[in-house]
Amino acid sequence: MGWSRSRSDAELLAASVGDRDAFAAFYRRYERMILAYLRRRAGDPELAADLCAETFAAALVGAVGYRAQHESAAPWLFGIARNVLSTSLR
């Protein structure tokens, strides 16, 4: 199934449990923002890329339990990125 830009984050995350194309669309929507966020905070591009991958892996695992509280899943995803970063800095 093709996933257009018109699908909400909640729809993409709900569908991603059984459809990798849905999660790929969600990933493409946020990858640059998450990577930029992690680059600014980690200061190391390679570390930021690794943390970005970990963030999206955690988002994929957590997608089944995602409950939309906002129109966008960005706050949820940035929360995951912040936690991944904090864990790596310990």
PDB file of N, CA and C in Angstrom:
ATOM      1  N   MET A   1       0.854  -1.180   0.000  1.00  0.00           N
ATOM      2  CA  MET A   1       0.000   0.000   0.000  1.00  0.00           C
ATOM      3  C   MET A   1       0.891   1.230   0.000  1.00  0.00           C
ATOM      4  N   GLY A   2       0.561   2.213  -0.821  1.00  0.00           N
ATOM      5  CA  GLY A   2       1.313   3.451  -0.844  1.00  0.00           C
ATOM      6  C   GLY A   2       0.869   4.359   0.292  1.00  0.00           C
ATOM      7  N   TRP A   3       1.806   4.969   0.947  1.00  0.00           N
ATOM      8  CA  TRP A   3       1.495   5.866   2.075  1.00  0.00           C
ATOM      9  C   TRP A   3       1.790   7.292   1.656  1.00  0.00           C
ATOM     10  N   SER A   4       0.747   8.050   1.500  1.00  0.00           N
ATOM     11  CA  SER A   4       0.921   9.431   1.065  1.00  0.00           C
ATOM     12  C   SER A   4       1.132  10.352   2.256  1.00  0.00           C
ATOM     13  N   ARG A   5       1.473  11.585   1.945  1.00  0.00           N
ATOM     14  CA  ARG A   5       1.678  12.599   2.978  1.00  0.00           C
ATOM     15  C   ARG A   5       0.386  12.935   3.711  1.00  0.00           C
ATOM     16  N   SER A   6      -0.722  12.554   3.132  1.00  0.00           N
ATOM     17  CA  SER A   6      -2.005  12.898   3.755  1.00  0.00           C
ATOM     18  C   SER A   6      -2.328  12.037   4.973  1.00  0.00           C
ATOM     19  N   ARG A   7      -1.601  10.973   5.176  1.00  0.00           N
ATOM     20  CA  ARG A   7      -1.840  10.115   6.347  1.00  0.00           C
ATOM     21  C   ARG A   7      -1.290  10.773   7.595  1.00  0.00           C
ATOM     22  N   SER A   8      -2.042  10.701   8.677  1.00  0.00           N
ATOM     23  CA  SER A   8      -1.580  11.288   9.937  1.00  0.00           C
ATOM     24  C   SER A   8      -0.483  10.420  10.546  1.00  0.00           C
ATOM     25  N   ASP A   9       0.256  11.009  11.465  1.00  0.00           N
ATOM     26  CA  ASP A   9       1.273  10.245  12.185  1.00  0.00           C
ATOM     27  C   ASP A   9       0.651   9.057  12.899  1.00  0.00           C
ATOM     28  N   ALA A  10      -0.489   9.285  13.530  1.00  0.00           N
ATOM     29  CA  ALA A  10      -1.163   8.201  14.260  1.00  0.00           C
ATOM     30  C   ALA A  10      -1.539   7.062  13.316  1.00  0.00           C
ATOM     31  N   GLU A  11      -2.018   7.393  12.120  1.00  0.00           N
ATOM     32  CA  GLU A  11      -2.371   6.351  11.151  1.00  0.00           C
ATOM     33  C   GLU A  11      -1.134   5.581  10.710  1.00  0.00           C
ATOM     34  N   LEU A  12      -0.059   6.305  10.447  1.00  0.00           N
ATOM     35  CA  LEU A  12       1.175   5.634  10.037  1.00  0.00           C
ATOM     36  C   LEU A  12       1.706   4.717  11.130  1.00  0.00           C
ATOM     37  N   LEU A  13       1.714   5.188  12.364  1.00  0.00           N
ATOM     38  CA  LEU A  13       2.224   4.371  13.464  1.00  0.00           C
ATOM     39  C   LEU A  13       1.334   3.165  13.713  1.00  0.00           C
ATOM     40  N   ALA A  14       0.030   3.333  13.637  1.00  0.00           N
ATOM     41  CA  ALA A  14      -0.880   2.206  13.834  1.00  0.00           C
ATOM     42  C   ALA A  14      -0.677   1.154  12.745  1.00  0.00           C
ATOM     43  N   ALA A  15      -0.500   1.597  11.524  1.00  0.00           N
ATOM     44  CA  ALA A  15      -0.320   0.668  10.411  1.00  0.00           C
ATOM     45  C   ALA A  15       1.067   0.041  10.396  1.00  0.00           C
ATOM     46  N   SER A  16       2.040   0.687  11.011  1.00  0.00           N
ATOM     47  CA  SER A  16       3.418   0.210  10.937  1.00  0.00           C
ATOM     48  C   SER A  16       3.621  -1.130  11.629  1.00  0.00           C
ATOM     49  N   VAL A  17       2.692  -1.502  12.487  1.00  0.00           N
ATOM     50  CA  VAL A  17       2.806  -2.788  13.168  1.00  0.00           C
ATOM     51  C   VAL A  17       2.836  -3.929  12.152  1.00  0.00           C
ATOM     52  N   GLY A  18       2.076  -3.795  11.063  1.00  0.00           N
ATOM     53  CA  GLY A  18       2.063  -4.857  10.065  1.00  0.00           C
ATOM     54  C   GLY A  18       2.494  -4.425   8.684  1.00  0.00           C
ATOM     55  N   ASP A  19       2.885  -3.179   8.527  1.00  0.00           N
ATOM     56  CA  ASP A  19       3.209  -2.660   7.200  1.00  0.00           C
ATOM     57  C   ASP A  19       4.463  -1.804   7.268  1.00  0.00           C
ATOM     58  N   ARG A  20       5.568  -2.345   6.798  1.00  0.00           N
ATOM     59  CA  ARG A  20       6.838  -1.619   6.892  1.00  0.00           C
ATOM     60  C   ARG A  20       6.841  -0.344   6.063  1.00  0.00           C
ATOM     61  N   ASP A  21       6.024  -0.278   5.008  1.00  0.00           N
ATOM     62  CA  ASP A  21       5.946   0.941   4.203  1.00  0.00           C
ATOM     63  C   ASP A  21       5.364   2.099   5.006  1.00  0.00           C
ATOM     64  N   ALA A  22       4.450   1.802   5.906  1.00  0.00           N
ATOM     65  CA  ALA A  22       3.867   2.845   6.755  1.00  0.00           C
ATOM     66  C   ALA A  22       4.937   3.432   7.668  1.00  0.00           C
ATOM     67  N   PHE A  23       5.753   2.569   8.264  1.00  0.00           N
ATOM     68  CA  PHE A  23       6.802   3.092   9.134  1.00  0.00           C
ATOM     69  C   PHE A  23       7.868   3.819   8.320  1.00  0.00           C
ATOM     70  N   ALA A  24       8.140   3.348   7.117  1.00  0.00           N
ATOM     71  CA  ALA A  24       9.107   4.038   6.257  1.00  0.00           C
ATOM     72  C   ALA A  24       8.632   5.460   5.953  1.00  0.00           C
ATOM     73  N   ALA A  25       7.343   5.630   5.740  1.00  0.00           N
ATOM     74  CA  ALA A  25       6.797   6.974   5.490  1.00  0.00           C
ATOM     75  C   ALA A  25       6.939   7.844   6.736  1.00  0.00           C
ATOM     76  N   PHE A  26       6.679   7.269   7.906  1.00  0.00           N
ATOM     77  CA  PHE A  26       6.850   7.996   9.167  1.00  0.00           C
ATOM     78  C   PHE A  26       8.320   8.376   9.351  1.00  0.00           C
ATOM     79  N   TYR A  27       9.219   7.454   9.080  1.00  0.00           N
ATOM     80  CA  TYR A  27      10.658   7.702   9.184  1.00  0.00           C
ATOM     81  C   TYR A  27      11.079   8.857   8.277  1.00  0.00           C
ATOM     82  N   ARG A  28      10.651   8.811   7.024  1.00  0.00           N
ATOM     83  CA  ARG A  28      11.022   9.874   6.080  1.00  0.00           C
ATOM     84  C   ARG A  28      10.496  11.234   6.527  1.00  0.00           C
ATOM     85  N   ARG A  29       9.352  11.230   7.175  1.00  0.00           N
ATOM     86  CA  ARG A  29       8.748  12.479   7.642  1.00  0.00           C
ATOM     87  C   ARG A  29       9.597  13.151   8.720  1.00  0.00           C
ATOM     88  N   TYR A  30      10.257  12.380   9.575  1.00  0.00           N
ATOM     89  CA  TYR A  30      10.935  12.929  10.757  1.00  0.00           C
ATOM     90  C   TYR A  30      12.440  12.721  10.818  1.00  0.00           C
ATOM     91  N   GLU A  31      13.008  11.943   9.919  1.00  0.00           N
ATOM     92  CA  GLU A  31      14.422  11.584  10.025  1.00  0.00           C
ATOM     93  C   GLU A  31      15.335  12.809  10.071  1.00  0.00           C
ATOM     94  N   ARG A  32      15.132  13.768   9.206  1.00  0.00           N
ATOM     95  CA  ARG A  32      16.010  14.944   9.186  1.00  0.00           C
ATOM     96  C   ARG A  32      15.923  15.745  10.476  1.00  0.00           C
ATOM     97  N   MET A  33      14.720  15.919  10.998  1.00  0.00           N
ATOM     98  CA  MET A  33      14.540  16.695  12.233  1.00  0.00           C
ATOM     99  C   MET A  33      15.207  16.017  13.418  1.00  0.00           C
ATOM    100  N   ILE A  34      15.015  14.704  13.520  1.00  0.00           N
ATOM    101  CA  ILE A  34      15.592  13.959  14.645  1.00  0.00           C
ATOM    102  C   ILE A  34      17.115  13.950  14.533  1.00  0.00           C
ATOM    103  N   LEU A  35      17.628  13.733  13.333  1.00  0.00           N
ATOM    104  CA  LEU A  35      19.077  13.721  13.147  1.00  0.00           C
ATOM    105  C   LEU A  35      19.674  15.088  13.480  1.00  0.00           C
ATOM    106  N   ALA A  36      19.040  16.160  13.042  1.00  0.00           N
ATOM    107  CA  ALA A  36      19.537  17.511  13.341  1.00  0.00           C
ATOM    108  C   ALA A  36      19.524  17.769  14.849  1.00  0.00           C
ATOM    109  N   TYR A  37      18.458  17.359  15.503  1.00  0.00           N
ATOM    110  CA  TYR A  37      18.344  17.517  16.962  1.00  0.00           C
ATOM    111  C   TYR A  37      19.495  16.794  17.663  1.00  0.00           C
ATOM    112  N   LEU A  38      19.740  15.567  17.258  1.00  0.00           N
ATOM    113  CA  LEU A  38      20.784  14.768  17.907  1.00  0.00           C
ATOM    114  C   LEU A  38      22.184  15.279  17.568  1.00  0.00           C
ATOM    115  N   ARG A  39      22.376  15.775  16.361  1.00  0.00           N
ATOM    116  CA  ARG A  39      23.687  16.357  15.999  1.00  0.00           C
ATOM    117  C   ARG A  39      24.015  17.548  16.875  1.00  0.00           C
ATOM    118  N   ARG A  40      23.028  18.417  17.071  1.00  0.00           N
ATOM    119  CA  ARG A  40      23.264  19.608  17.902  1.00  0.00           C
ATOM    120  C   ARG A  40      23.606  19.218  19.331  1.00  0.00           C
ATOM    121  N   ARG A  41      22.979  18.208  19.847  1.00  0.00           N
ATOM    122  CA  ARG A  41      23.186  17.851  21.241  1.00  0.00           C
ATOM    123  C   ARG A  41      24.360  16.911  21.471  1.00  0.00           C
ATOM    124  N   ALA A  42      24.603  16.011  20.536  1.00  0.00           N
ATOM    125  CA  ALA A  42      25.702  15.055  20.713  1.00  0.00           C
ATOM    126  C   ALA A  42      27.036  15.643  20.270  1.00  0.00           C
ATOM    127  N   GLY A  43      27.015  16.540  19.291  1.00  0.00           N
ATOM    128  CA  GLY A  43      28.248  17.148  18.822  1.00  0.00           C
ATOM    129  C   GLY A  43      29.107  16.253  17.949  1.00  0.00           C
ATOM    130  N   ASP A  44      28.671  15.062  17.683  1.00  0.00           N
ATOM    131  CA  ASP A  44      29.434  14.096  16.885  1.00  0.00           C
ATOM    132  C   ASP A  44      28.479  13.508  15.842  1.00  0.00           C
ATOM    133  N   PRO A  45      28.733  13.749  14.556  1.00  0.00           N
ATOM    134  CA  PRO A  45      27.812  13.275  13.519  1.00  0.00           C
ATOM    135  C   PRO A  45      27.607  11.763  13.499  1.00  0.00           C
ATOM    136  N   GLU A  46      28.664  11.002  13.736  1.00  0.00           N
ATOM    137  CA  GLU A  46      28.525   9.539  13.740  1.00  0.00           C
ATOM    138  C   GLU A  46      27.674   9.073  14.921  1.00  0.00           C
ATOM    139  N   LEU A  47      27.924   9.648  16.085  1.00  0.00           N
ATOM    140  CA  LEU A  47      27.121   9.315  17.253  1.00  0.00           C
ATOM    141  C   LEU A  47      25.666   9.706  17.013  1.00  0.00           C
ATOM    142  N   ALA A  48      25.454  10.861  16.429  1.00  0.00           N
ATOM    143  CA  ALA A  48      24.093  11.322  16.149  1.00  0.00           C
ATOM    144  C   ALA A  48      23.373  10.361  15.215  1.00  0.00           C
ATOM    145  N   ALA A  49      24.070   9.859  14.196  1.00  0.00           N
ATOM    146  CA  ALA A  49      23.461   8.903  13.266  1.00  0.00           C
ATOM    147  C   ALA A  49      23.089   7.612  13.982  1.00  0.00           C
ATOM    148  N   ASP A  50      23.967   7.130  14.848  1.00  0.00           N
ATOM    149  CA  ASP A  50      23.669   5.919  15.629  1.00  0.00           C
ATOM    150  C   ASP A  50      22.465   6.138  16.543  1.00  0.00           C
ATOM    151  N   LEU A  51      22.432   7.287  17.210  1.00  0.00           N
ATOM    152  CA  LEU A  51      21.330   7.591  18.118  1.00  0.00           C
ATOM    153  C   LEU A  51      20.017   7.768  17.362  1.00  0.00           C
ATOM    154  N   CYS A  52      20.097   8.306  16.159  1.00  0.00           N
ATOM    155  CA  CYS A  52      18.904   8.452  15.323  1.00  0.00           C
ATOM    156  C   CYS A  52      18.342   7.069  14.986  1.00  0.00           C
ATOM    157  N   ALA A  53      19.214   6.149  14.614  1.00  0.00           N
ATOM    158  CA  ALA A  53      18.780   4.780  14.318  1.00  0.00           C
ATOM    159  C   ALA A  53      18.146   4.143  15.555  1.00  0.00           C
ATOM    160  N   GLU A  54      18.747   4.339  16.703  1.00  0.00           N
ATOM    161  CA  GLU A  54      18.192   3.798  17.954  1.00  0.00           C
ATOM    162  C   GLU A  54      16.835   4.421  18.260  1.00  0.00           C
ATOM    163  N   THR A  55      16.700   5.705  17.991  1.00  0.00           N
ATOM    164  CA  THR A  55      15.435   6.399  18.236  1.00  0.00           C
ATOM    165  C   THR A  55      14.323   5.787  17.405  1.00  0.00           C
ATOM    166  N   PHE A  56      14.584   5.584  16.125  1.00  0.00           N
ATOM    167  CA  PHE A  56      13.539   5.029  15.262  1.00  0.00           C
ATOM    168  C   PHE A  56      13.285   3.547  15.552  1.00  0.00           C
ATOM    169  N   ALA A  57      14.301   2.826  15.984  1.00  0.00           N
ATOM    170  CA  ALA A  57      14.082   1.442  16.393  1.00  0.00           C
ATOM    171  C   ALA A  57      13.152   1.393  17.605  1.00  0.00           C
ATOM    172  N   ALA A  58      13.387   2.284  18.564  1.00  0.00           N
ATOM    173  CA  ALA A  58      12.522   2.345  19.746  1.00  0.00           C
ATOM    174  C   ALA A  58      11.118   2.794  19.367  1.00  0.00           C
ATOM    175  N   ALA A  59      11.016   3.708  18.405  1.00  0.00           N
ATOM    176  CA  ALA A  59       9.696   4.162  17.950  1.00  0.00           C
ATOM    177  C   ALA A  59       8.941   3.028  17.277  1.00  0.00           C
ATOM    178  N   LEU A  60       9.633   2.214  16.504  1.00  0.00           N
ATOM    179  CA  LEU A  60       8.976   1.076  15.854  1.00  0.00           C
ATOM    180  C   LEU A  60       8.446   0.095  16.890  1.00  0.00           C
ATOM    181  N   VAL A  61       9.265  -0.182  17.902  1.00  0.00           N
ATOM    182  CA  VAL A  61       8.825  -1.081  18.977  1.00  0.00           C
ATOM    183  C   VAL A  61       7.644  -0.470  19.730  1.00  0.00           C
ATOM    184  N   GLY A  62       7.694   0.834  19.968  1.00  0.00           N
ATOM    185  CA  GLY A  62       6.646   1.501  20.725  1.00  0.00           C
ATOM    186  C   GLY A  62       5.416   1.877  19.921  1.00  0.00           C
ATOM    187  N   ALA A  63       5.475   1.711  18.610  1.00  0.00           N
ATOM    188  CA  ALA A  63       4.353   2.122  17.750  1.00  0.00           C
ATOM    189  C   ALA A  63       3.050   1.447  18.129  1.00  0.00           C
ATOM    190  N   VAL A  64       3.138   0.204  18.561  1.00  0.00           N
ATOM    191  CA  VAL A  64       1.926  -0.535  18.921  1.00  0.00           C
ATOM    192  C   VAL A  64       1.182   0.118  20.083  1.00  0.00           C
ATOM    193  N   GLY A  65       1.900   0.788  20.954  1.00  0.00           N
ATOM    194  CA  GLY A  65       1.281   1.423  22.112  1.00  0.00           C
ATOM    195  C   GLY A  65       1.082   2.923  21.962  1.00  0.00           C
ATOM    196  N   TYR A  66       1.398   3.469  20.786  1.00  0.00           N
ATOM    197  CA  TYR A  66       1.278   4.915  20.595  1.00  0.00           C
ATOM    198  C   TYR A  66      -0.178   5.353  20.690  1.00  0.00           C
ATOM    199  N   ARG A  67      -0.401   6.382  21.494  1.00  0.00           N
ATOM    200  CA  ARG A  67      -1.732   6.992  21.627  1.00  0.00           C
ATOM    201  C   ARG A  67      -1.589   8.466  21.301  1.00  0.00           C
ATOM    202  N   ALA A  68      -2.265   8.891  20.267  1.00  0.00           N
ATOM    203  CA  ALA A  68      -2.152  10.278  19.807  1.00  0.00           C
ATOM    204  C   ALA A  68      -2.672  11.235  20.871  1.00  0.00           C
ATOM    205  N   GLN A  69      -1.807  12.122  21.320  1.00  0.00           N
ATOM    206  CA  GLN A  69      -2.196  13.167  22.269  1.00  0.00           C
ATOM    207  C   GLN A  69      -2.132  14.525  21.597  1.00  0.00           C
ATOM    208  N   HIS A  70      -1.489  14.564  20.432  1.00  0.00           N
ATOM    209  CA  HIS A  70      -1.336  15.786  19.651  1.00  0.00           C
ATOM    210  C   HIS A  70      -1.611  15.430  18.201  1.00  0.00           C
ATOM    211  N   GLU A  71      -1.759  16.439  17.377  1.00  0.00           N
ATOM    212  CA  GLU A  71      -1.948  16.185  15.947  1.00  0.00           C
ATOM    213  C   GLU A  71      -0.713  15.513  15.360  1.00  0.00           C
ATOM    214  N   SER A  72       0.441  15.851  15.891  1.00  0.00           N
ATOM    215  CA  SER A  72       1.715  15.333  15.417  1.00  0.00           C
ATOM    216  C   SER A  72       2.308  14.380  16.457  1.00  0.00           C
ATOM    217  N   ALA A  73       3.042  13.391  15.967  1.00  0.00           N
ATOM    218  CA  ALA A  73       3.762  12.483  16.870  1.00  0.00           C
ATOM    219  C   ALA A  73       5.144  13.032  17.215  1.00  0.00           C
ATOM    220  N   ALA A  74       5.465  14.221  16.735  1.00  0.00           N
ATOM    221  CA  ALA A  74       6.795  14.800  16.976  1.00  0.00           C
ATOM    222  C   ALA A  74       7.148  14.879  18.458  1.00  0.00           C
ATOM    223  N   PRO A  75       6.252  15.359  19.341  1.00  0.00           N
ATOM    224  CA  PRO A  75       6.633  15.409  20.761  1.00  0.00           C
ATOM    225  C   PRO A  75       6.989  14.026  21.319  1.00  0.00           C
ATOM    226  N   TRP A  76       6.249  13.022  20.918  1.00  0.00           N
ATOM    227  CA  TRP A  76       6.507  11.645  21.354  1.00  0.00           C
ATOM    228  C   TRP A  76       7.871  11.194  20.834  1.00  0.00           C
ATOM    229  N   LEU A  77       8.133  11.436  19.549  1.00  0.00           N
ATOM    230  CA  LEU A  77       9.374  10.992  18.933  1.00  0.00           C
ATOM    231  C   LEU A  77      10.584  11.745  19.496  1.00  0.00           C
ATOM    232  N   PHE A  78      10.449  13.045  19.712  1.00  0.00           N
ATOM    233  CA  PHE A  78      11.554  13.805  20.303  1.00  0.00           C
ATOM    234  C   PHE A  78      11.793  13.371  21.748  1.00  0.00           C
ATOM    235  N   GLY A  79      10.763  12.958  22.443  1.00  0.00           N
ATOM    236  CA  GLY A  79      10.929  12.407  23.787  1.00  0.00           C
ATOM    237  C   GLY A  79      11.755  11.131  23.759  1.00  0.00           C
ATOM    238  N   ILE A  80      11.490  10.294  22.782  1.00  0.00           N
ATOM    239  CA  ILE A  80      12.285   9.075  22.619  1.00  0.00           C
ATOM    240  C   ILE A  80      13.737   9.447  22.325  1.00  0.00           C
ATOM    241  N   ALA A  81      13.944  10.393  21.422  1.00  0.00           N
ATOM    242  CA  ALA A  81      15.310  10.821  21.075  1.00  0.00           C
ATOM    243  C   ALA A  81      16.037  11.371  22.298  1.00  0.00           C
ATOM    244  N   ARG A  82      15.342  12.164  23.091  1.00  0.00           N
ATOM    245  CA  ARG A  82      15.951  12.729  24.309  1.00  0.00           C
ATOM    246  C   ARG A  82      16.357  11.601  25.263  1.00  0.00           C
ATOM    247  N   ASN A  83      15.495  10.598  25.418  1.00  0.00           N
ATOM    248  CA  ASN A  83      15.817   9.475  26.309  1.00  0.00           C
ATOM    249  C   ASN A  83      16.988   8.649  25.774  1.00  0.00           C
ATOM    250  N   VAL A  84      17.018   8.420  24.470  1.00  0.00           N
ATOM    251  CA  VAL A  84      18.118   7.677  23.859  1.00  0.00           C
ATOM    252  C   VAL A  84      19.437   8.436  24.064  1.00  0.00           C
ATOM    253  N   LEU A  85      19.396   9.740  23.855  1.00  0.00           N
ATOM    254  CA  LEU A  85      20.589  10.568  24.068  1.00  0.00           C
ATOM    255  C   LEU A  85      21.045  10.522  25.521  1.00  0.00           C
ATOM    256  N   SER A  86      20.103  10.679  26.435  1.00  0.00           N
ATOM    257  CA  SER A  86      20.453  10.648  27.871  1.00  0.00           C
ATOM    258  C   SER A  86      21.090   9.336  28.262  1.00  0.00           C
ATOM    259  N   THR A  87      20.543   8.252  27.769  1.00  0.00           N
ATOM    260  CA  THR A  87      21.092   6.924  28.068  1.00  0.00           C
ATOM    261  C   THR A  87      22.511   6.792  27.522  1.00  0.00           C
ATOM    262  N   SER A  88      22.735   7.331  26.325  1.00  0.00           N
ATOM    263  CA  SER A  88      24.083   7.211  25.728  1.00  0.00           C
ATOM    264  C   SER A  88      25.115   8.051  26.464  1.00  0.00           C
ATOM    265  N   LEU A  89      24.688   9.124  27.100  1.00  0.00           N
ATOM    266  CA  LEU A  89      25.624   9.997  27.797  1.00  0.00           C
ATOM    267  C   LEU A  89      25.989   9.500  29.197  1.00  0.00           C
ATOM    268  N   ARG A  90      25.277   8.516  29.661  1.00  0.00           N
ATOM    269  CA  ARG A  90      25.577   7.964  30.999  1.00  0.00           C
ATOM    270  C   ARG A  90      26.774   7.067  30.976  1.00  0.00           C
TER     271      ARG A  90
END
